[in-house]
């Protein structure tokens, strides 16, 4: 589980997410465009994001953050995702 280590005092980030030059979508600045490095988390989440066009190498723009919801732009379409899902998307800096 993504948050199981955080409850025990460890890091919630996988080894892929903490590589230098990468960060999570939840830490991105509004209005900037980034390249998706990878999608972490459960297979169900990965498949859902893939259907939206969110996969490695794709450009993604964070449009807004409001009350734990993230509005993103992928391939000229806008989607709203929750913070848990935003924490599964690893971006290149």
Protein backbone atom coordinates (compact mmCIF):
# COMPACT_ATOMS: atom_id res chain seq x y z
CA UNK A 1 0.00 0.00 0.00
CA UNK A 2 1.30 3.45 -0.90
CA UNK A 3 0.82 5.00 2.56
CA UNK A 4 1.70 2.01 4.76
CA UNK A 5 5.32 3.11 5.24
CA UNK A 6 4.31 6.68 6.10
CA UNK A 7 2.24 5.48 9.04
CA UNK A 8 5.29 3.67 10.41
CA UNK A 9 7.52 6.73 10.12
CA UNK A 10 9.14 5.78 6.81
CA UNK A 11 8.98 7.43 3.41
CA UNK A 12 5.90 7.12 1.19
CA UNK A 13 7.97 7.46 -1.95
CA UNK A 14 9.13 4.46 -3.96
CA UNK A 15 12.70 4.22 -5.21
CA UNK A 16 11.59 5.48 -8.63
CA UNK A 17 9.93 8.60 -7.21
CA UNK A 18 12.95 9.76 -5.22
CA UNK A 19 15.42 9.73 -8.10
CA UNK A 20 17.05 13.08 -8.58
CA UNK A 21 15.22 15.22 -11.12
CA UNK A 22 11.81 13.66 -10.49
CA UNK A 23 8.88 14.61 -8.29
CA UNK A 24 5.21 13.81 -7.83
CA UNK A 25 2.37 15.63 -9.55
CA UNK A 26 1.06 16.60 -6.11
CA UNK A 27 4.18 18.80 -5.71
CA UNK A 28 3.98 20.44 -9.16
CA UNK A 29 3.42 24.15 -9.78
CA UNK A 30 0.11 25.25 -11.30
CA UNK A 31 0.29 26.23 -14.97
CA UNK A 32 3.49 24.37 -15.80
CA UNK A 33 3.80 21.48 -18.24
CA UNK A 34 5.85 18.39 -17.38
CA UNK A 35 6.65 15.00 -18.86
CA UNK A 36 5.34 11.88 -17.11
CA UNK A 37 8.25 9.69 -16.04
CA UNK A 38 6.16 6.86 -14.60
CA UNK A 39 2.90 5.98 -12.89
CA UNK A 40 3.18 4.22 -9.52
CA UNK A 41 0.53 2.57 -7.37
CA UNK A 42 -2.03 -0.15 -7.85
CA UNK A 43 -2.63 -1.74 -11.23
CA UNK A 44 -6.23 -0.47 -11.26
CA UNK A 45 -5.01 3.13 -10.85
CA UNK A 46 -2.36 2.69 -13.55
CA UNK A 47 -4.94 1.33 -16.00
CA UNK A 48 -7.36 4.17 -15.27
CA UNK A 49 -4.70 6.83 -15.81
CA UNK A 50 -3.60 5.07 -19.00
CA UNK A 51 -7.15 5.37 -20.36
CA UNK A 52 -6.87 9.14 -19.78
CA UNK A 53 -3.63 9.23 -21.75
CA UNK A 54 -1.37 9.54 -18.71
CA UNK A 55 1.63 7.30 -19.38
CA UNK A 56 5.41 7.53 -19.62
CA UNK A 57 6.61 10.24 -22.00
CA UNK A 58 3.28 12.08 -22.21
CA UNK A 59 3.02 15.82 -21.47
CA UNK A 60 0.80 16.82 -18.54
CA UNK A 61 -0.17 20.29 -17.29
CA UNK A 62 -1.47 21.04 -13.81
CA UNK A 63 -4.34 23.51 -14.31
CA UNK A 64 -5.46 23.93 -10.69
CA UNK A 65 -5.52 22.48 -7.16
CA UNK A 66 -8.62 22.95 -5.07
CA UNK A 67 -9.74 21.11 -1.93
CA UNK A 68 -7.53 18.09 -2.63
CA UNK A 69 -8.60 17.82 -6.27
CA UNK A 70 -6.22 18.35 -9.16
CA UNK A 71 -7.36 19.48 -12.59
CA UNK A 72 -4.91 18.28 -15.21
CA UNK A 73 -4.61 18.70 -18.96
CA UNK A 74 -3.52 15.70 -21.03
CA UNK A 75 -3.75 15.72 -24.84
CA UNK A 76 -6.06 18.76 -24.99
CA UNK A 77 -8.49 17.24 -22.47
CA UNK A 78 -9.05 18.23 -18.85
CA UNK A 79 -9.58 15.75 -16.04
CA UNK A 80 -10.08 16.05 -12.28
CA UNK A 81 -8.23 13.56 -10.09
CA UNK A 82 -7.90 13.32 -6.33
CA UNK A 83 -4.73 13.85 -4.33
CA UNK A 84 -4.11 10.12 -3.82
CA UNK A 85 -4.07 9.61 -7.58
CA UNK A 86 -1.90 12.72 -8.10
CA UNK A 87 0.70 11.18 -5.77
CA UNK A 88 1.04 8.18 -8.09
CA UNK A 89 2.18 10.26 -11.09
CA UNK A 90 5.97 10.78 -11.19
CA UNK A 91 7.19 13.68 -13.34
CA UNK A 92 10.54 14.67 -14.86
CA UNK A 93 11.83 18.00 -13.58
